[in-house]
Amino acid sequence: MRYSRRPVIVLSLITALCIIGDSMLYIALPIYYNEAGLSTLWHVGLVLSH
């Protein structure tokens, strides 16, 4: 049997985008926490720890 690579490629791209989005939270949230509706920096730590 020959399997198609397309589902594997699509799933790997979706996974990569999710990981990039998660990493962007760790980069951008401590810098722009006011725009996210958080009032202090310890709120950022609380959000990222969960």
C-alpha atoms as a PDB file:
ATOM      1  CA  MET A   1       0.000   0.000   0.000  1.00  0.00           C
ATOM      2  CA  ARG A   2       1.079   3.533  -0.695  1.00  0.00           C
ATOM      3  CA  TYR A   3       0.133   6.214   1.792  1.00  0.00           C
ATOM      4  CA  SER A   4      -0.327   9.865   1.017  1.00  0.00           C
ATOM      5  CA  ARG A   5       2.059  12.332   2.640  1.00  0.00           C
ATOM      6  CA  ARG A   6      -0.398  15.199   2.490  1.00  0.00           C
ATOM      7  CA  PRO A   7      -2.189  14.517   5.829  1.00  0.00           C
ATOM      8  CA  VAL A   8       1.149  14.223   7.596  1.00  0.00           C
ATOM      9  CA  ILE A   9       2.405  17.483   6.132  1.00  0.00           C
ATOM     10  CA  VAL A  10      -0.825  19.317   6.983  1.00  0.00           C
ATOM     11  CA  LEU A  11      -0.776  18.014  10.553  1.00  0.00           C
ATOM     12  CA  SER A  12       2.876  18.956  10.994  1.00  0.00           C
ATOM     13  CA  LEU A  13       2.211  22.503   9.741  1.00  0.00           C
ATOM     14  CA  ILE A  14      -0.730  22.897  12.116  1.00  0.00           C
ATOM     15  CA  THR A  15       1.419  21.653  14.994  1.00  0.00           C
ATOM     16  CA  ALA A  16       4.212  24.070  14.071  1.00  0.00           C
ATOM     17  CA  LEU A  17       1.798  27.012  14.016  1.00  0.00           C
ATOM     18  CA  CYS A  18       0.428  26.061  17.438  1.00  0.00           C
ATOM     19  CA  ILE A  19       3.924  25.859  18.892  1.00  0.00           C
ATOM     20  CA  ILE A  20       4.846  29.232  17.385  1.00  0.00           C
ATOM     21  CA  GLY A  21       1.692  30.773  18.869  1.00  0.00           C
ATOM     22  CA  ASP A  22       2.483  29.327  22.277  1.00  0.00           C
ATOM     23  CA  SER A  23       6.043  30.623  22.117  1.00  0.00           C
ATOM     24  CA  MET A  24       4.813  34.082  21.147  1.00  0.00           C
ATOM     25  CA  LEU A  25       2.835  34.218  24.399  1.00  0.00           C
ATOM     26  CA  TYR A  26       6.044  33.791  26.371  1.00  0.00           C
ATOM     27  CA  ILE A  27       7.733  36.522  24.335  1.00  0.00           C
ATOM     28  CA  ALA A  28       4.981  39.123  23.905  1.00  0.00           C
ATOM     29  CA  LEU A  29       2.829  38.778  27.026  1.00  0.00           C
ATOM     30  CA  PRO A  30       5.452  40.044  29.524  1.00  0.00           C
ATOM     31  CA  ILE A  31       6.083  43.055  27.283  1.00  0.00           C
ATOM     32  CA  TYR A  32       2.500  43.953  26.339  1.00  0.00           C
ATOM     33  CA  TYR A  33       0.597  42.802  29.416  1.00  0.00           C
ATOM     34  CA  ASN A  34      -1.399  46.044  29.684  1.00  0.00           C
ATOM     35  CA  GLU A  35      -2.865  45.535  26.215  1.00  0.00           C
ATOM     36  CA  ALA A  36      -3.890  42.004  27.225  1.00  0.00           C
ATOM     37  CA  GLY A  37      -5.904  43.383  30.151  1.00  0.00           C
ATOM     38  CA  LEU A  38      -3.478  42.388  32.895  1.00  0.00           C
ATOM     39  CA  SER A  39      -2.641  45.044  35.445  1.00  0.00           C
ATOM     40  CA  THR A  40       0.589  43.752  36.991  1.00  0.00           C
ATOM     41  CA  LEU A  41       3.474  41.566  35.955  1.00  0.00           C
ATOM     42  CA  TRP A  42       2.644  38.840  38.482  1.00  0.00           C
ATOM     43  CA  HIS A  43      -0.666  38.359  36.650  1.00  0.00           C
ATOM     44  CA  VAL A  44       1.417  37.464  33.591  1.00  0.00           C
ATOM     45  CA  GLY A  45       3.256  34.831  35.606  1.00  0.00           C
ATOM     46  CA  LEU A  46      -0.029  33.427  36.830  1.00  0.00           C
ATOM     47  CA  VAL A  47      -1.449  33.204  33.305  1.00  0.00           C
ATOM     48  CA  LEU A  48       1.701  31.593  31.890  1.00  0.00           C
ATOM     49  CA  SER A  49       1.951  29.054  34.710  1.00  0.00           C
ATOM     50  CA  HIS A  50      -1.398  27.488  33.872  1.00  0.00           C
END
